[in-house]
Protein backbone atom coordinates (compact mmCIF):
# COMPACT_ATOMS: atom_id res chain seq x y z
CA MET A 1 94.51 62.08 118.07
CA ARG A 2 92.34 63.48 115.32
CA SER A 3 93.81 66.84 114.44
CA PRO A 4 92.16 69.23 116.92
CA PHE A 5 93.91 72.32 115.59
CA THR A 6 92.77 75.13 113.37
CA ALA A 7 95.16 74.46 110.49
CA PRO A 8 95.71 75.77 106.96
CA ALA A 9 93.87 74.11 104.10
CA LEU A 10 95.24 70.73 103.15
CA ALA A 11 98.12 70.96 100.73
CA ALA A 12 98.76 68.56 97.90
CA ALA A 13 100.34 65.34 99.10
CA LEU A 14 104.10 65.43 99.27
CA VAL A 15 105.45 62.26 97.74
CA THR A 16 109.22 62.23 97.86
CA ALA A 17 110.73 60.06 95.17
CA SER A 18 113.11 57.77 97.02
CA LEU A 19 115.17 54.96 95.62
CA ILE A 20 114.84 51.91 97.84
CA LEU A 21 118.27 50.47 98.26
CA PRO A 22 118.97 46.78 97.77
CA GLY A 23 118.44 44.67 100.86
CA THR A 24 121.30 44.53 103.33
CA ALA A 25 122.14 42.19 106.16
CA ALA A 26 120.32 42.79 109.41
CA ARG A 27 122.21 45.06 111.80
CA ALA A 28 122.05 45.43 115.54
CA ALA A 29 119.98 48.35 116.79
CA THR A 30 121.94 51.38 117.96
CA GLY A 31 120.93 54.13 120.36
CA ILE A 32 117.45 53.78 121.85
CA HIS A 33 116.31 50.19 121.34
CA VAL A 34 113.87 47.60 122.64
CA SER A 35 114.50 44.46 124.63
CA GLY A 36 111.40 42.38 125.28
CA THR A 37 108.86 44.73 126.85
CA LYS A 38 111.49 47.31 127.81
CA ILE A 39 112.88 50.37 126.04
CA LEU A 40 116.62 50.77 126.62
CA GLU A 41 119.11 53.50 125.90
CA GLY A 42 122.26 52.83 123.92
CA ASN A 43 124.16 52.03 127.12
CA GLY A 44 121.59 49.43 128.15
CA GLN A 45 119.89 51.54 130.82
CA GLU A 46 116.10 51.29 130.88
CA PHE A 47 114.21 54.38 129.75
CA VAL A 48 110.55 55.04 130.58
CA MET A 49 108.90 57.85 128.63
CA ARG A 50 107.09 60.50 130.63
CA GLY A 51 105.97 63.55 128.72
CA THR A 52 103.51 65.26 126.43
CA SER A 53 102.93 66.20 122.79
CA HIS A 54 103.65 69.60 121.25
CA ALA A 55 102.02 70.70 117.98
CA HIS A 56 105.10 72.20 116.39
CA THR A 57 103.80 72.03 112.81
CA TRP A 58 100.91 74.40 113.64
CA TYR A 59 102.84 76.54 116.11
CA PRO A 60 106.43 76.70 114.83
CA ALA A 61 107.14 79.93 116.72
CA GLN A 62 106.36 78.35 120.11
CA THR A 63 109.90 77.05 120.61
CA LYS A 64 109.89 78.02 124.30
CA ALA A 65 107.50 75.10 124.82
CA PHE A 66 110.44 72.68 124.86
CA ALA A 67 112.08 74.38 127.87
CA ASP A 68 108.73 74.79 129.60
CA ILE A 69 107.87 71.11 129.19
CA ARG A 70 111.25 70.16 130.61
CA SER A 71 110.76 72.55 133.54
CA LEU A 72 107.81 70.41 134.65
CA LYS A 73 110.12 67.35 134.85
CA ALA A 74 109.15 65.65 131.58
CA ASN A 75 111.85 63.50 129.99
CA THR A 76 110.18 63.15 126.57
CA VAL A 77 108.31 65.35 124.10
CA ARG A 78 106.33 64.01 121.15
CA VAL A 79 106.59 66.58 118.35
CA VAL A 80 103.89 66.95 115.69
CA LEU A 81 105.37 67.30 112.19
CA SER A 82 103.95 67.34 108.67
CA GLY A 83 105.30 66.34 105.30
CA GLY A 84 102.77 68.37 103.32
CA ARG A 85 99.22 67.82 104.53
CA TRP A 86 99.82 70.96 106.54
CA SER A 87 102.84 73.27 106.34
CA ALA A 88 105.68 70.90 105.50
CA ASN A 89 108.52 70.68 108.01
CA SER A 90 111.81 70.61 106.12
CA ALA A 91 114.98 68.78 107.09
CA SER A 92 116.42 72.00 108.51
CA ASP A 93 113.29 72.55 110.59
CA VAL A 94 113.44 68.97 111.89
CA ALA A 95 117.11 69.46 112.76
CA GLY A 96 116.11 72.54 114.75
CA VAL A 97 113.49 70.55 116.66
CA VAL A 98 116.03 67.85 117.50
CA SER A 99 118.44 70.54 118.69
CA LEU A 100 115.74 72.02 120.96
CA CYS A 101 115.07 68.57 122.42
CA LYS A 102 118.75 68.04 123.14
CA GLN A 103 119.22 71.52 124.61
CA ASN A 104 116.42 70.78 127.05
CA LYS A 105 117.45 67.19 127.81
CA LEU A 106 114.33 65.67 126.28
CA ILE A 107 114.08 62.49 124.26
CA CYS A 108 112.47 63.51 120.98
CA VAL A 109 109.60 61.40 119.60
CA LEU A 110 109.05 62.83 116.11
CA GLU A 111 105.67 61.98 114.59
CA ASP A 112 104.23 62.57 111.12
CA HIS A 113 100.64 63.76 111.63
CA ASP A 114 99.76 63.51 107.92
CA THR A 115 98.45 59.94 108.26
CA THR A 116 95.78 60.77 110.84
CA GLY A 117 92.56 58.91 110.01
CA TYR A 118 93.62 57.58 106.60
CA GLY A 119 90.70 56.01 104.75
CA GLU A 120 88.18 57.95 106.81
CA GLN A 121 89.43 61.54 106.91
CA SER A 122 89.84 63.47 103.67
CA GLY A 123 93.41 64.40 102.77
CA ALA A 124 95.10 61.85 105.02
CA TYR A 125 98.37 60.34 103.79
CA THR A 126 99.32 56.68 103.61
CA LEU A 127 102.04 55.13 105.74
CA ASP A 128 104.04 54.72 102.56
CA GLN A 129 103.92 58.48 102.03
CA ALA A 130 104.96 58.96 105.67
CA ALA A 131 107.97 56.72 105.08
CA ASP A 132 108.88 58.90 102.07
CA TYR A 133 108.72 61.96 104.33
CA TRP A 134 111.11 60.49 106.87
CA ILE A 135 113.52 59.52 104.10
CA SER A 136 113.34 63.10 102.76
CA VAL A 137 114.49 64.49 106.15
CA LYS A 138 117.02 61.72 106.80
CA SER A 139 119.88 64.24 107.01
CA ALA A 140 118.29 65.72 110.16
CA LEU A 141 117.99 62.29 111.76
CA ALA A 142 121.41 60.87 110.96
CA GLY A 143 123.48 60.22 114.08
CA GLN A 144 120.62 61.07 116.45
CA GLU A 145 119.69 57.49 117.38
CA ASP A 146 120.45 58.17 121.07
CA TYR A 147 118.01 61.08 121.18
CA VAL A 148 115.26 60.46 118.62
CA VAL A 149 112.43 57.96 118.17
CA VAL A 150 110.65 58.07 114.80
CA ASN A 151 106.86 57.74 115.22
CA ILE A 152 106.12 56.78 111.60
CA GLY A 153 102.55 58.05 111.35
CA ASN A 154 99.94 59.35 113.78
CA GLU A 155 96.75 57.27 114.05
CA PRO A 156 97.37 55.93 110.54
CA ILE A 157 93.93 54.42 109.83
CA GLY A 158 90.44 55.45 110.96
CA ASN A 159 87.70 53.06 112.04
CA ASN A 160 87.23 51.66 108.54
CA ALA A 161 88.99 48.87 106.65
CA THR A 162 91.73 49.88 104.20
CA THR A 163 93.86 48.11 101.64
CA PRO A 164 96.55 47.34 102.51
CA GLY A 165 95.47 46.84 106.11
CA TRP A 166 97.31 48.18 109.14
CA ALA A 167 99.71 45.25 109.56
CA GLU A 168 100.74 45.08 105.90
CA ALA A 169 101.08 48.86 105.54
CA THR A 170 103.09 49.13 108.76
CA LYS A 171 105.45 46.31 107.81
CA ALA A 172 106.02 47.88 104.38
CA ALA A 173 106.79 51.29 105.90
CA ILE A 174 109.25 49.79 108.39
CA THR A 175 110.99 47.80 105.66
CA LYS A 176 111.24 50.89 103.45
CA LEU A 177 112.74 53.00 106.24
CA ARG A 178 115.31 50.36 107.14
CA ALA A 179 116.28 49.85 103.50
CA ASN A 180 116.87 53.59 103.19
CA GLY A 181 119.15 53.84 106.21
CA ILE A 182 116.79 54.93 109.03
CA HIS A 183 118.22 53.04 112.02
CA HIS A 184 116.34 54.73 114.84
CA ALA A 185 113.86 53.11 117.18
CA LEU A 186 110.55 53.22 115.31
CA MET A 187 107.20 53.81 116.98
CA VAL A 188 103.99 52.64 115.29
CA ASP A 189 100.52 53.87 116.21
CA ALA A 190 97.49 51.62 116.32
CA PRO A 191 94.65 51.93 113.80
CA ALA A 192 91.07 52.98 114.71
CA TRP A 193 92.28 56.51 115.47
CA GLY A 194 95.04 55.01 117.59
CA GLN A 195 92.67 53.29 120.03
CA ASP A 196 92.80 49.78 118.52
CA TRP A 197 89.32 48.93 119.78
CA GLN A 198 89.20 46.04 117.28
CA ASN A 199 92.58 44.75 118.58
CA VAL A 200 94.20 44.83 115.14
CA MET A 201 97.55 46.06 116.46
CA ARG A 202 97.36 43.83 119.51
CA ASP A 203 96.83 40.71 117.42
CA ASN A 204 99.42 41.58 114.74
CA ALA A 205 102.14 43.25 116.79
CA ALA A 206 104.41 40.20 116.98
CA SER A 207 104.48 39.78 113.19
CA VAL A 208 105.15 43.51 112.72
CA LEU A 209 108.11 43.38 115.09
CA ALA A 210 109.40 40.29 113.30
CA ALA A 211 109.27 42.19 109.98
CA ASP A 212 111.65 44.86 111.30
CA PRO A 213 115.17 43.78 110.27
CA GLU A 214 116.53 45.52 113.38
CA LYS A 215 113.75 44.27 115.73
CA ASN A 216 113.49 47.79 117.10
CA THR A 217 109.82 48.74 116.89
CA ILE A 218 107.75 50.20 119.75
CA PHE A 219 103.94 49.91 119.71
CA SER A 220 101.81 52.91 120.69
CA VAL A 221 98.15 52.86 121.75
CA HIS A 222 96.11 56.04 122.24
CA MET A 223 93.70 55.89 125.17
CA TYR A 224 90.60 58.06 125.04
CA GLY A 225 86.92 57.12 125.37
CA VAL A 226 87.45 53.47 124.47
CA TYR A 227 89.46 53.10 127.69
CA ASP A 228 86.97 54.38 130.25
CA THR A 229 87.20 51.43 132.65
CA ALA A 230 90.04 49.82 134.55
CA ALA A 231 89.14 46.42 133.09
CA GLU A 232 89.58 47.63 129.50
CA ILE A 233 92.89 49.30 130.30
CA THR A 234 94.43 46.40 132.19
CA SER A 235 93.23 43.85 129.65
CA TYR A 236 94.94 45.68 126.79
CA LEU A 237 98.17 46.24 128.71
CA ASP A 238 98.17 42.62 129.90
CA ALA A 239 98.05 41.37 126.30
CA PHE A 240 101.33 43.09 125.42
CA ARG A 241 102.99 42.04 128.67
CA THR A 242 101.98 38.42 128.06
CA ALA A 243 103.29 38.61 124.49
CA GLY A 244 106.57 40.16 125.66
CA LEU A 245 106.20 43.17 123.34
CA PRO A 246 107.16 46.83 123.96
CA LEU A 247 104.18 49.17 124.40
CA VAL A 248 103.76 52.84 125.29
CA ILE A 249 100.61 54.89 125.84
CA GLY A 250 101.43 57.36 123.09
CA GLU A 251 98.46 59.64 123.77
CA PHE A 252 95.75 59.93 126.40
CA GLY A 253 93.58 62.57 128.00
CA PHE A 254 91.38 63.11 131.03
CA ASP A 255 88.27 63.68 128.94
CA HIS A 256 87.28 63.36 125.29
CA SER A 257 84.39 63.78 122.91
CA ASP A 258 84.09 59.97 122.56
CA GLY A 259 83.93 59.27 126.29
CA ASP A 260 85.64 59.78 129.64
CA PRO A 261 89.05 58.04 129.78
CA ASP A 262 90.06 56.56 133.13
CA GLU A 263 93.27 58.56 133.39
CA ASP A 264 93.87 57.51 136.99
CA THR A 265 94.09 53.84 136.03
CA ILE A 266 96.06 54.63 132.86
CA MET A 267 98.73 56.46 134.84
CA ALA A 268 98.79 54.06 137.80
CA GLN A 269 99.07 51.01 135.57
CA ALA A 270 101.77 52.61 133.43
CA VAL A 271 103.82 53.38 136.54
CA SER A 272 103.34 49.97 138.15
CA ARG A 273 104.27 48.20 134.88
CA GLY A 274 107.16 50.50 133.92
CA LEU A 275 105.40 51.66 130.72
CA GLY A 276 105.87 55.04 129.10
CA TYR A 277 103.03 57.52 128.71
CA LEU A 278 102.64 60.78 126.77
CA GLY A 279 99.68 63.06 127.46
CA TRP A 280 97.90 65.06 124.77
CA SER A 281 98.76 67.94 124.49
CA TRP A 282 100.73 70.97 125.61
CA SER A 283 98.63 73.84 124.21
CA GLY A 284 96.77 75.11 121.15
CA ASN A 285 93.96 72.57 120.87
CA GLY A 286 90.86 73.62 118.95
CA GLY A 287 87.90 72.07 117.22
CA GLY A 288 85.98 71.47 120.43
CA VAL A 289 88.71 69.75 122.46
CA GLU A 290 90.35 72.84 123.91
CA TYR A 291 89.92 71.19 127.31
CA LEU A 292 92.90 68.95 126.41
CA ASP A 293 95.29 71.91 126.68
CA GLN A 294 97.70 71.34 129.56
CA VAL A 295 98.62 75.02 129.75
CA THR A 296 96.61 78.02 128.61
CA GLY A 297 98.03 80.05 125.75
CA PHE A 298 101.42 78.27 125.85
CA ASP A 299 102.00 79.86 129.27
CA VAL A 300 103.71 77.43 131.64
CA THR A 301 102.50 79.45 134.64
CA ARG A 302 98.85 78.77 133.69
CA LEU A 303 98.44 75.04 134.11
CA THR A 304 94.92 73.78 133.39
CA PRO A 305 93.27 71.10 135.56
CA TRP A 306 94.40 68.50 133.02
CA GLY A 307 97.93 69.88 133.13
CA GLN A 308 97.96 69.79 136.92
CA ARG A 309 96.74 66.20 136.87
CA LEU A 310 99.29 65.03 134.32
CA PHE A 311 102.35 66.79 135.64
CA ASN A 312 101.74 67.12 139.38
CA GLY A 313 99.09 64.53 140.28
CA ALA A 314 99.39 60.98 141.60
CA ASN A 315 101.59 58.86 139.31
CA GLY A 316 102.24 62.04 137.33
CA ILE A 317 105.28 63.20 135.43
CA ALA A 318 106.93 65.16 138.26
CA ALA A 319 106.78 62.17 140.59
CA THR A 320 107.77 59.42 138.17
CA ALA A 321 109.91 60.82 135.32
CA ARG A 322 113.59 59.94 135.25
CA PRO A 323 115.95 61.86 132.92
CA ALA A 324 117.60 59.90 130.14
CA SER A 325 121.08 58.75 131.07
CA VAL A 326 122.39 60.10 127.73
CA TYR A 327 121.88 63.53 129.29
CA GLY A 328 123.63 62.54 132.49
CA GLY A 329 120.51 61.42 134.31
CA THR A 330 121.20 59.18 137.27
CA THR A 331 119.91 55.64 137.27
CA ASP A 332 118.33 53.82 140.16
CA PRO A 333 118.37 50.06 139.63
CA THR A 334 117.55 49.26 143.28
CA PRO A 335 113.92 48.30 143.98
CA PRO A 336 112.24 49.07 147.33
CA SER A 337 111.99 46.46 150.04
CA ALA A 338 108.81 44.41 150.22
CA PRO A 339 106.02 46.02 152.28
CA GLY A 340 104.89 44.36 155.48
CA ALA A 341 101.90 42.03 155.72
CA PRO A 342 98.61 43.80 154.91
CA ALA A 343 95.65 43.61 157.28
CA ALA A 344 92.05 43.71 156.09
CA SER A 345 89.27 45.63 157.86
CA ASN A 346 85.84 47.11 157.12
CA VAL A 347 85.03 44.19 154.83
CA THR A 348 81.70 44.57 153.00
CA SER A 349 80.02 42.68 150.17
CA SER A 350 81.93 44.74 147.58
CA GLY A 351 85.00 46.14 149.31
CA ALA A 352 87.58 46.12 152.06
CA THR A 353 90.20 48.38 153.60
CA LEU A 354 93.83 47.22 153.62
CA THR A 355 96.69 48.68 155.65
CA TRP A 356 100.34 47.55 155.79
CA PRO A 357 103.76 48.52 157.17
CA ALA A 358 105.72 50.78 154.83
CA ALA A 359 108.48 49.63 152.48
CA THR A 360 111.87 51.34 152.34
CA ASP A 361 113.96 52.47 149.37
CA ASN A 362 117.43 53.91 148.77
CA VAL A 363 115.82 57.00 147.17
CA GLY A 364 112.18 56.94 148.17
CA VAL A 365 108.97 54.94 147.82
CA THR A 366 106.41 56.71 145.61
CA GLY A 367 103.49 54.30 145.75
CA TYR A 368 102.02 50.85 146.30
CA ASP A 369 100.10 48.45 144.06
CA VAL A 370 97.65 45.82 145.31
CA TYR A 371 97.17 42.51 143.48
CA THR A 372 95.26 39.29 143.87
CA SER A 373 97.29 36.10 144.29
CA ALA A 374 96.74 35.55 140.54
CA GLY A 375 98.38 38.89 139.76
CA VAL A 376 95.21 40.83 138.90
CA PRO A 377 95.62 44.53 139.87
CA LEU A 378 93.05 45.74 142.42
CA GLY A 379 94.26 49.29 143.00
CA ALA A 380 97.15 51.69 143.57
CA THR A 381 97.85 54.27 146.26
CA ALA A 382 100.58 56.64 147.40
CA THR A 383 99.99 55.75 151.07
CA THR A 384 100.11 52.57 153.17
CA SER A 385 96.33 52.11 153.08
CA ILE A 386 93.71 51.60 150.39
CA THR A 387 89.97 51.03 150.28
CA LEU A 388 89.20 48.41 147.64
CA THR A 389 85.87 48.64 145.81
CA GLY A 390 84.08 46.67 143.12
CA LEU A 391 84.78 43.28 144.72
CA SER A 392 82.39 40.36 144.31
CA PRO A 393 80.11 39.37 147.21
CA SER A 394 80.68 36.10 149.09
CA THR A 395 84.12 35.70 147.54
CA ALA A 396 87.41 34.65 149.15
CA TYR A 397 90.31 36.97 148.26
CA GLN A 398 94.04 36.51 148.75
CA VAL A 399 95.94 39.73 148.12
CA HIS A 400 99.44 41.12 148.35
CA VAL A 401 101.10 44.54 147.97
CA LYS A 402 104.16 45.70 146.01
CA ALA A 403 106.01 49.00 146.52
CA ARG A 404 107.46 51.11 143.70
CA ASP A 405 109.90 54.00 143.47
CA ALA A 406 110.23 57.01 141.15
CA ALA A 407 112.39 55.02 138.73
CA GLY A 408 109.58 52.52 138.24
CA ASN A 409 111.31 49.74 140.17
CA GLN A 410 108.83 47.42 141.89
CA SER A 411 109.49 45.46 145.06
CA ALA A 412 108.90 41.83 145.78
CA ALA A 413 105.41 40.97 147.01
CA SER A 414 104.40 41.44 150.61
CA PRO A 415 103.05 38.50 152.62
CA THR A 416 99.51 37.56 151.59
CA ALA A 417 96.34 38.70 153.35
CA ALA A 418 93.13 36.67 153.09
CA PHE A 419 89.54 37.83 153.60
CA THR A 420 86.06 36.93 152.34
CA THR A 421 83.55 39.54 151.27
CA LEU A 422 80.09 39.52 152.81
CA ALA A 423 76.96 38.38 151.06
CA GLY A 424 75.35 41.22 149.16
CA GLY A 425 71.81 42.39 148.71
CA GLY A 426 70.71 43.64 152.15
CA ASP A 427 67.03 42.82 152.63
CA GLY A 428 65.94 42.80 148.98
CA GLY A 429 66.93 42.11 145.42
CA CYS A 430 67.73 43.88 142.23
CA THR A 431 66.57 43.72 138.63
CA ALA A 432 68.34 44.06 135.29
CA VAL A 433 66.69 45.09 132.04
CA GLY A 434 68.56 45.20 128.73
CA THR A 435 67.67 47.50 125.82
CA VAL A 436 68.96 47.23 122.25
CA GLN A 437 70.03 50.78 121.41
CA SER A 438 71.18 50.08 117.84
CA GLN A 439 71.90 47.15 115.58
CA TRP A 440 73.33 46.44 112.17
CA GLY A 441 74.03 43.42 109.96
CA ASP A 442 76.62 41.72 112.15
CA GLY A 443 76.38 43.49 115.49
CA TYR A 444 74.42 45.50 118.01
CA VAL A 445 74.72 47.65 121.13
CA LEU A 446 72.93 46.88 124.40
CA GLN A 447 72.49 50.24 126.10
CA PRO A 448 71.30 50.82 128.66
CA VAL A 449 71.34 47.62 130.66
CA THR A 450 69.59 49.12 133.67
CA VAL A 451 70.29 47.76 137.17
CA THR A 452 67.75 48.77 139.84
CA ASN A 453 67.88 48.17 143.60
CA THR A 454 64.39 46.82 144.37
CA GLY A 455 65.14 46.28 148.06
CA THR A 456 64.67 48.54 151.06
CA ALA A 457 68.34 48.75 152.06
CA THR A 458 71.36 50.21 150.29
CA ARG A 459 73.07 47.70 148.03
CA ASN A 460 76.88 47.64 147.92
CA GLY A 461 77.61 45.82 144.70
CA TRP A 462 75.72 43.97 141.97
CA THR A 463 76.28 41.20 139.46
CA VAL A 464 74.22 40.84 136.29
CA THR A 465 74.19 37.76 134.07
CA PHE A 466 72.54 37.14 130.72
CA THR A 467 72.80 34.67 127.86
CA LEU A 468 74.20 35.32 124.39
CA PRO A 469 72.54 33.62 121.42
CA ALA A 470 74.70 30.99 119.70
CA GLY A 471 77.48 32.49 117.61
CA HIS A 472 77.41 35.89 119.31
CA THR A 473 80.55 37.46 120.83
CA VAL A 474 81.13 40.43 123.13
CA THR A 475 83.34 43.01 121.39
CA GLY A 476 83.23 45.87 123.90
CA PHE A 477 81.69 47.07 127.17
CA TRP A 478 81.60 50.08 129.46
CA ASN A 479 80.58 51.01 133.01
CA ALA A 480 80.93 47.38 134.16
CA ALA A 481 83.59 44.68 134.43
CA VAL A 482 82.48 42.04 131.95
CA THR A 483 83.58 38.42 131.55
CA VAL A 484 82.25 35.71 129.23
CA SER A 485 82.11 31.97 129.84
CA GLY A 486 80.61 30.03 126.97
CA ARG A 487 77.44 31.97 126.20
CA THR A 488 77.01 33.37 129.72
CA VAL A 489 77.95 37.03 130.16
CA THR A 490 78.69 38.25 133.70
CA ALA A 491 78.82 42.00 134.38
CA ARG A 492 79.94 43.34 137.76
CA ASN A 493 79.84 46.87 139.11
CA LEU A 494 82.86 49.13 139.09
CA SER A 495 84.08 51.21 142.02
CA TYR A 496 81.87 54.18 141.19
CA ASN A 497 78.49 52.51 140.45
CA GLY A 498 78.17 49.65 142.92
CA THR A 499 76.39 51.48 145.71
CA LEU A 500 72.65 51.83 145.06
CA ALA A 501 70.16 53.28 147.52
CA PRO A 502 66.69 51.71 147.62
CA GLY A 503 64.97 52.42 144.32
CA ALA A 504 68.15 53.80 142.73
CA ALA A 505 69.43 52.58 139.38
CA THR A 506 72.60 52.59 137.32
CA ALA A 507 73.41 51.32 133.85
CA PHE A 508 76.13 49.79 131.70
CA GLY A 509 76.56 48.93 128.04
CA VAL A 510 77.80 46.06 125.88
CA GLN A 511 78.65 45.84 122.19
CA ALA A 512 78.38 42.43 120.51
CA GLY A 513 78.91 40.80 117.15
CA ARG A 514 76.77 38.12 115.52
CA PRO A 515 76.53 36.24 112.22
CA ASN A 516 75.26 38.34 109.33
CA GLY A 517 71.52 38.02 108.96
CA ASP A 518 70.96 36.90 112.56
CA THR A 519 68.54 39.24 114.36
CA SER A 520 68.45 37.53 117.77
CA VAL A 521 69.54 39.37 120.92
CA PRO A 522 70.54 38.30 124.46
CA SER A 523 67.98 37.13 126.99
CA GLY A 524 67.64 35.84 130.54
CA TYR A 525 68.82 38.90 132.48
CA THR A 526 69.29 38.25 136.20
CA CYS A 527 70.68 40.42 138.98
CA ALA A 528 72.21 39.45 142.31
CA GLY A 529 74.10 41.17 145.09
């Protein structure tokens, strides 16, 4: 994330002169490596990251943090380092960090924070400078491929365009590191402060992986205010799963200055998909985001609400982390049995309750995930019952359930249950009114789009449609599940804003792009139950 710490004044950029060696033949990845969407250890066992970040470069004396993080069952720690933008971490310091990780049986994700917000934040380093830093501390990394992942640069570009762009700069940094003998698994952060809201990393990830001679690059997205709905989270994760590319959620929080992340969906989806996640951050946050501290004052006995949620909550670290096998952690390759057939009850126009017979597992079932027959996630629970919300009225659903265990193994699907939601609307209708909050040459924001229950009975769900002018595209949305067909935009309520008492209102927002010089805006707003 953007540096939230009170740090010394920016130092002059450290540019380590490094001779790039002549190209060599591609070599097989050693130690931690990727295979399709999975991250594997050197012995081929799957490894799923569960942990947090620790700001070592600002708090070098807080070495007890490594043991404390491990005591809460984490298997990974992402360590903030600097090559000169702040107090530079030398090769001997990096070696000490790696030793602390190994002593506490943690996989070490080492990240260079110098690149944060390049092009937008003063003093930020380029990815090329970050590559020079890693080469300068190569002696501390040598032989640690089983224990260390090199996160080349934190949030390496802000929200603005840079030259070279993210894909070109990332490819060049990877090539430079490989040519200079860095053979570790590499992790690359997305641009746009890590949140990739313009989908630059998503759309270029395959070519970046192809540019790695060792094909051992992990992609990292940071999920804050951009990811405040389940639809946005699942859509982004789906894109990497469909492409067969390895992704981790390298940072996320439960709140942020740019919006309210949906941490429940982030964690549930990561667990159900077998994806790693790393919360931000252990302690020491400043600059207005102190609420992201997971413990107060580096004291492991003083967990904050965010710390409790991350470590001990549903789909949290304590329940789902599995130690790396390189440290003697046991592996559990056996998935649970399939749950029994679900039964639907309490069906309304926007929801239903499902119950099902429990699955069994050789170690223990930790949760269940509910999907449509098309594989669209509808919800997750730790029990054998769930109340689904945000469904569409007068719609036939076919759903099934899968069980999962602490190792992230998922069962086969249960038998399918079928039900049809009721017609919505009660005895009256609803209205939708869109307002243009801001606009610029090639885009605009509709906010609020206000939905009002004009009937005399409580409404359980709403659907708003409107028409885009020719050439316009939806580029973002919040507080609604939005789909586009041709020029017709359909927005449906989410679980928390579908129920409206008579006269009550809620709102959502949409961001759109349009041809430069076009000043037209959407029209034809309609609302239905």
